[in-house]
Amino acid sequence: MTQWLEGNEVGGPLLRAGIPDDWRIGDRTGAGGHGSRSVVAILWPPSQAPLIAAIYLTQSDASMEQRNAAIAAIGAALAETVSSMQ
């Protein structure tokens, strides 16, 4: 399961875009009607316990690229917060 999640090639512009290169990530992404976009991920920060993250956006008029960028920004904020807790 881990290998399958880590091998996801669709999640590049989403959460993966905001996560530092030295973190491992395995994720699955989704999109749907009503401007929905989502990602569920397991994150392995260096020298810390794994984290599970789920992000779901809906009822948005934003473009797919804008929704992807919003999720990447959430990922960057998550990484910054977790890194500061070391």
N, C-alpha and C. Protein backbone atom coordinates (compact mmCIF):
# COMPACT_ATOMS: atom_id res chain seq x y z
N MET A 1 0.82 -1.18 0.00
CA MET A 1 0.00 0.00 0.00
C MET A 1 0.88 1.26 0.00
N THR A 2 1.92 1.25 0.81
CA THR A 2 2.81 2.42 0.88
C THR A 2 3.44 2.70 -0.48
N GLN A 3 3.92 1.66 -1.13
CA GLN A 3 4.56 1.83 -2.43
C GLN A 3 3.56 2.40 -3.45
N TRP A 4 2.33 1.93 -3.42
CA TRP A 4 1.29 2.42 -4.31
C TRP A 4 1.02 3.90 -4.07
N LEU A 5 0.90 4.29 -2.80
CA LEU A 5 0.64 5.69 -2.46
C LEU A 5 1.82 6.59 -2.83
N GLU A 6 3.04 6.13 -2.52
CA GLU A 6 4.22 6.93 -2.84
C GLU A 6 4.44 7.05 -4.35
N GLY A 7 3.96 6.08 -5.09
CA GLY A 7 4.13 6.10 -6.54
C GLY A 7 3.13 6.95 -7.29
N ASN A 8 2.22 7.60 -6.60
CA ASN A 8 1.22 8.44 -7.24
C ASN A 8 1.90 9.55 -8.04
N GLU A 9 1.60 9.63 -9.32
CA GLU A 9 2.22 10.65 -10.18
C GLU A 9 1.30 11.83 -10.44
N VAL A 10 0.06 11.76 -9.97
CA VAL A 10 -0.92 12.82 -10.23
C VAL A 10 -0.83 13.94 -9.20
N GLY A 11 -0.31 13.64 -8.01
CA GLY A 11 -0.33 14.59 -6.91
C GLY A 11 0.75 15.65 -6.92
N GLY A 12 1.57 15.72 -7.94
CA GLY A 12 2.68 16.67 -7.98
C GLY A 12 2.32 18.12 -7.69
N PRO A 13 1.28 18.67 -8.34
CA PRO A 13 0.98 20.09 -8.11
C PRO A 13 0.15 20.35 -6.85
N LEU A 14 -0.17 19.33 -6.10
CA LEU A 14 -1.02 19.49 -4.91
C LEU A 14 -0.15 19.54 -3.66
N LEU A 15 -0.44 18.69 -2.71
CA LEU A 15 0.25 18.69 -1.43
C LEU A 15 1.76 18.49 -1.61
N ARG A 16 2.14 17.64 -2.55
CA ARG A 16 3.57 17.37 -2.80
C ARG A 16 4.34 18.64 -3.15
N ALA A 17 3.68 19.59 -3.81
CA ALA A 17 4.34 20.84 -4.21
C ALA A 17 4.72 21.70 -3.01
N GLY A 18 4.04 21.52 -1.88
CA GLY A 18 4.32 22.33 -0.71
C GLY A 18 5.16 21.64 0.35
N ILE A 19 5.48 20.38 0.13
CA ILE A 19 6.20 19.58 1.12
C ILE A 19 7.69 19.57 0.78
N PRO A 20 8.58 19.74 1.76
CA PRO A 20 10.02 19.72 1.49
C PRO A 20 10.47 18.40 0.84
N ASP A 21 11.52 18.47 0.05
CA ASP A 21 12.03 17.31 -0.68
C ASP A 21 12.50 16.18 0.22
N ASP A 22 12.89 16.49 1.45
CA ASP A 22 13.39 15.42 2.32
C ASP A 22 12.27 14.71 3.09
N TRP A 23 11.02 15.07 2.84
CA TRP A 23 9.87 14.36 3.42
C TRP A 23 9.42 13.29 2.44
N ARG A 24 9.02 12.14 2.94
CA ARG A 24 8.35 11.14 2.11
C ARG A 24 6.86 11.45 2.13
N ILE A 25 6.18 11.18 1.02
CA ILE A 25 4.74 11.39 0.95
C ILE A 25 4.11 10.31 0.07
N GLY A 26 2.99 9.81 0.52
CA GLY A 26 2.16 8.92 -0.26
C GLY A 26 0.77 9.49 -0.26
N ASP A 27 0.16 9.64 -1.44
CA ASP A 27 -1.14 10.31 -1.48
C ASP A 27 -2.04 9.79 -2.58
N ARG A 28 -3.31 10.13 -2.45
CA ARG A 28 -4.31 9.91 -3.49
C ARG A 28 -5.06 11.22 -3.64
N THR A 29 -5.38 11.55 -4.86
CA THR A 29 -6.03 12.83 -5.14
C THR A 29 -7.41 12.60 -5.74
N GLY A 30 -8.21 13.64 -5.72
CA GLY A 30 -9.53 13.55 -6.32
C GLY A 30 -10.03 14.91 -6.76
N ALA A 31 -11.00 14.89 -7.66
CA ALA A 31 -11.66 16.11 -8.13
C ALA A 31 -13.08 15.73 -8.52
N GLY A 32 -13.97 16.71 -8.44
CA GLY A 32 -15.35 16.42 -8.80
C GLY A 32 -16.12 17.68 -9.08
N GLY A 33 -17.42 17.53 -9.14
CA GLY A 33 -18.31 18.65 -9.40
C GLY A 33 -18.27 19.68 -8.29
N HIS A 34 -18.87 20.82 -8.56
CA HIS A 34 -18.97 21.91 -7.58
C HIS A 34 -17.60 22.48 -7.21
N GLY A 35 -16.64 22.38 -8.11
CA GLY A 35 -15.31 22.93 -7.82
C GLY A 35 -14.55 22.16 -6.77
N SER A 36 -14.83 20.88 -6.65
CA SER A 36 -14.19 20.06 -5.61
C SER A 36 -12.78 19.62 -6.01
N ARG A 37 -11.92 19.55 -5.03
CA ARG A 37 -10.54 19.05 -5.19
C ARG A 37 -10.11 18.51 -3.85
N SER A 38 -9.41 17.37 -3.85
CA SER A 38 -9.04 16.76 -2.57
C SER A 38 -7.73 16.00 -2.67
N VAL A 39 -7.17 15.76 -1.49
CA VAL A 39 -5.99 14.92 -1.36
C VAL A 39 -6.00 14.31 0.04
N VAL A 40 -5.67 13.05 0.11
CA VAL A 40 -5.47 12.34 1.38
C VAL A 40 -4.06 11.79 1.32
N ALA A 41 -3.28 12.02 2.38
CA ALA A 41 -1.86 11.68 2.31
C ALA A 41 -1.32 11.18 3.64
N ILE A 42 -0.28 10.36 3.53
CA ILE A 42 0.57 10.02 4.66
C ILE A 42 1.88 10.74 4.43
N LEU A 43 2.33 11.48 5.42
CA LEU A 43 3.57 12.25 5.34
C LEU A 43 4.57 11.72 6.34
N TRP A 44 5.81 11.58 5.91
CA TRP A 44 6.89 11.13 6.79
C TRP A 44 7.94 12.23 6.89
N PRO A 45 7.79 13.15 7.85
CA PRO A 45 8.83 14.15 8.03
C PRO A 45 10.09 13.48 8.58
N PRO A 46 11.27 13.99 8.26
CA PRO A 46 12.50 13.39 8.78
C PRO A 46 12.50 13.39 10.31
N SER A 47 12.88 12.28 10.87
CA SER A 47 13.06 12.13 12.33
C SER A 47 11.79 12.42 13.13
N GLN A 48 10.63 12.25 12.52
CA GLN A 48 9.37 12.44 13.23
C GLN A 48 8.40 11.31 12.86
N ALA A 49 7.38 11.16 13.67
CA ALA A 49 6.35 10.16 13.39
C ALA A 49 5.57 10.55 12.13
N PRO A 50 5.03 9.57 11.42
CA PRO A 50 4.23 9.89 10.24
C PRO A 50 2.96 10.67 10.61
N LEU A 51 2.48 11.43 9.65
CA LEU A 51 1.25 12.21 9.81
C LEU A 51 0.26 11.80 8.74
N ILE A 52 -1.01 11.94 9.03
CA ILE A 52 -2.05 11.75 8.03
C ILE A 52 -2.71 13.10 7.81
N ALA A 53 -2.87 13.47 6.55
CA ALA A 53 -3.51 14.74 6.21
C ALA A 53 -4.62 14.48 5.20
N ALA A 54 -5.73 15.17 5.37
CA ALA A 54 -6.84 15.12 4.41
C ALA A 54 -7.29 16.55 4.16
N ILE A 55 -7.32 16.94 2.90
CA ILE A 55 -7.73 18.29 2.52
C ILE A 55 -8.83 18.15 1.47
N TYR A 56 -9.93 18.85 1.70
CA TYR A 56 -11.07 18.80 0.77
C TYR A 56 -11.59 20.20 0.53
N LEU A 57 -11.58 20.63 -0.72
CA LEU A 57 -12.12 21.92 -1.12
C LEU A 57 -13.36 21.67 -1.96
N THR A 58 -14.41 22.46 -1.77
CA THR A 58 -15.61 22.33 -2.60
C THR A 58 -16.36 23.65 -2.65
N GLN A 59 -17.34 23.70 -3.51
CA GLN A 59 -18.15 24.91 -3.72
C GLN A 59 -17.27 26.08 -4.11
N SER A 60 -16.31 25.84 -5.00
CA SER A 60 -15.35 26.86 -5.40
C SER A 60 -15.51 27.18 -6.88
N ASP A 61 -15.38 28.45 -7.20
CA ASP A 61 -15.35 28.89 -8.60
C ASP A 61 -13.91 28.99 -9.12
N ALA A 62 -12.94 28.67 -8.28
CA ALA A 62 -11.53 28.75 -8.67
C ALA A 62 -11.22 27.71 -9.75
N SER A 63 -10.25 28.04 -10.58
CA SER A 63 -9.81 27.09 -11.61
C SER A 63 -9.11 25.90 -10.94
N MET A 64 -8.92 24.83 -11.71
CA MET A 64 -8.21 23.67 -11.18
C MET A 64 -6.81 24.06 -10.72
N GLU A 65 -6.13 24.90 -11.50
CA GLU A 65 -4.79 25.34 -11.13
C GLU A 65 -4.81 26.13 -9.83
N GLN A 66 -5.82 26.96 -9.63
CA GLN A 66 -5.93 27.74 -8.39
C GLN A 66 -6.22 26.83 -7.20
N ARG A 67 -7.06 25.83 -7.40
CA ARG A 67 -7.34 24.88 -6.31
C ARG A 67 -6.10 24.07 -5.98
N ASN A 68 -5.36 23.65 -7.00
CA ASN A 68 -4.10 22.93 -6.76
C ASN A 68 -3.13 23.80 -5.97
N ALA A 69 -3.02 25.08 -6.35
CA ALA A 69 -2.11 26.00 -5.66
C ALA A 69 -2.54 26.20 -4.21
N ALA A 70 -3.85 26.24 -3.95
CA ALA A 70 -4.34 26.39 -2.58
C ALA A 70 -3.93 25.19 -1.73
N ILE A 71 -4.05 23.99 -2.29
CA ILE A 71 -3.66 22.79 -1.55
C ILE A 71 -2.14 22.77 -1.33
N ALA A 72 -1.38 23.20 -2.33
CA ALA A 72 0.09 23.28 -2.16
C ALA A 72 0.44 24.25 -1.04
N ALA A 73 -0.27 25.38 -0.96
CA ALA A 73 -0.02 26.36 0.10
C ALA A 73 -0.36 25.79 1.47
N ILE A 74 -1.43 25.02 1.54
CA ILE A 74 -1.78 24.36 2.80
C ILE A 74 -0.68 23.38 3.18
N GLY A 75 -0.15 22.64 2.20
CA GLY A 75 0.96 21.72 2.46
C GLY A 75 2.19 22.43 2.98
N ALA A 76 2.51 23.58 2.40
CA ALA A 76 3.67 24.35 2.86
C ALA A 76 3.47 24.83 4.29
N ALA A 77 2.26 25.29 4.61
CA ALA A 77 1.96 25.74 5.98
C ALA A 77 2.04 24.57 6.96
N LEU A 78 1.54 23.42 6.55
CA LEU A 78 1.61 22.22 7.39
C LEU A 78 3.07 21.84 7.65
N ALA A 79 3.88 21.82 6.60
CA ALA A 79 5.29 21.47 6.75
C ALA A 79 6.02 22.45 7.65
N GLU A 80 5.73 23.74 7.50
CA GLU A 80 6.37 24.75 8.34
C GLU A 80 5.98 24.56 9.81
N THR A 81 4.71 24.29 10.05
CA THR A 81 4.24 24.09 11.43
C THR A 81 4.87 22.86 12.05
N VAL A 82 4.85 21.75 11.32
CA VAL A 82 5.40 20.50 11.85
C VAL A 82 6.90 20.63 12.07
N SER A 83 7.60 21.26 11.15
CA SER A 83 9.05 21.43 11.29
C SER A 83 9.40 22.29 12.50
N SER A 84 8.57 23.25 12.83
CA SER A 84 8.84 24.12 13.98
C SER A 84 8.59 23.41 15.30
N MET A 85 7.96 22.26 15.28
CA MET A 85 7.65 21.51 16.50
C MET A 85 8.77 20.57 16.91
N GLN A 86 9.84 20.49 16.12
CA GLN A 86 10.94 19.57 16.43
C GLN A 86 11.69 20.01 17.65
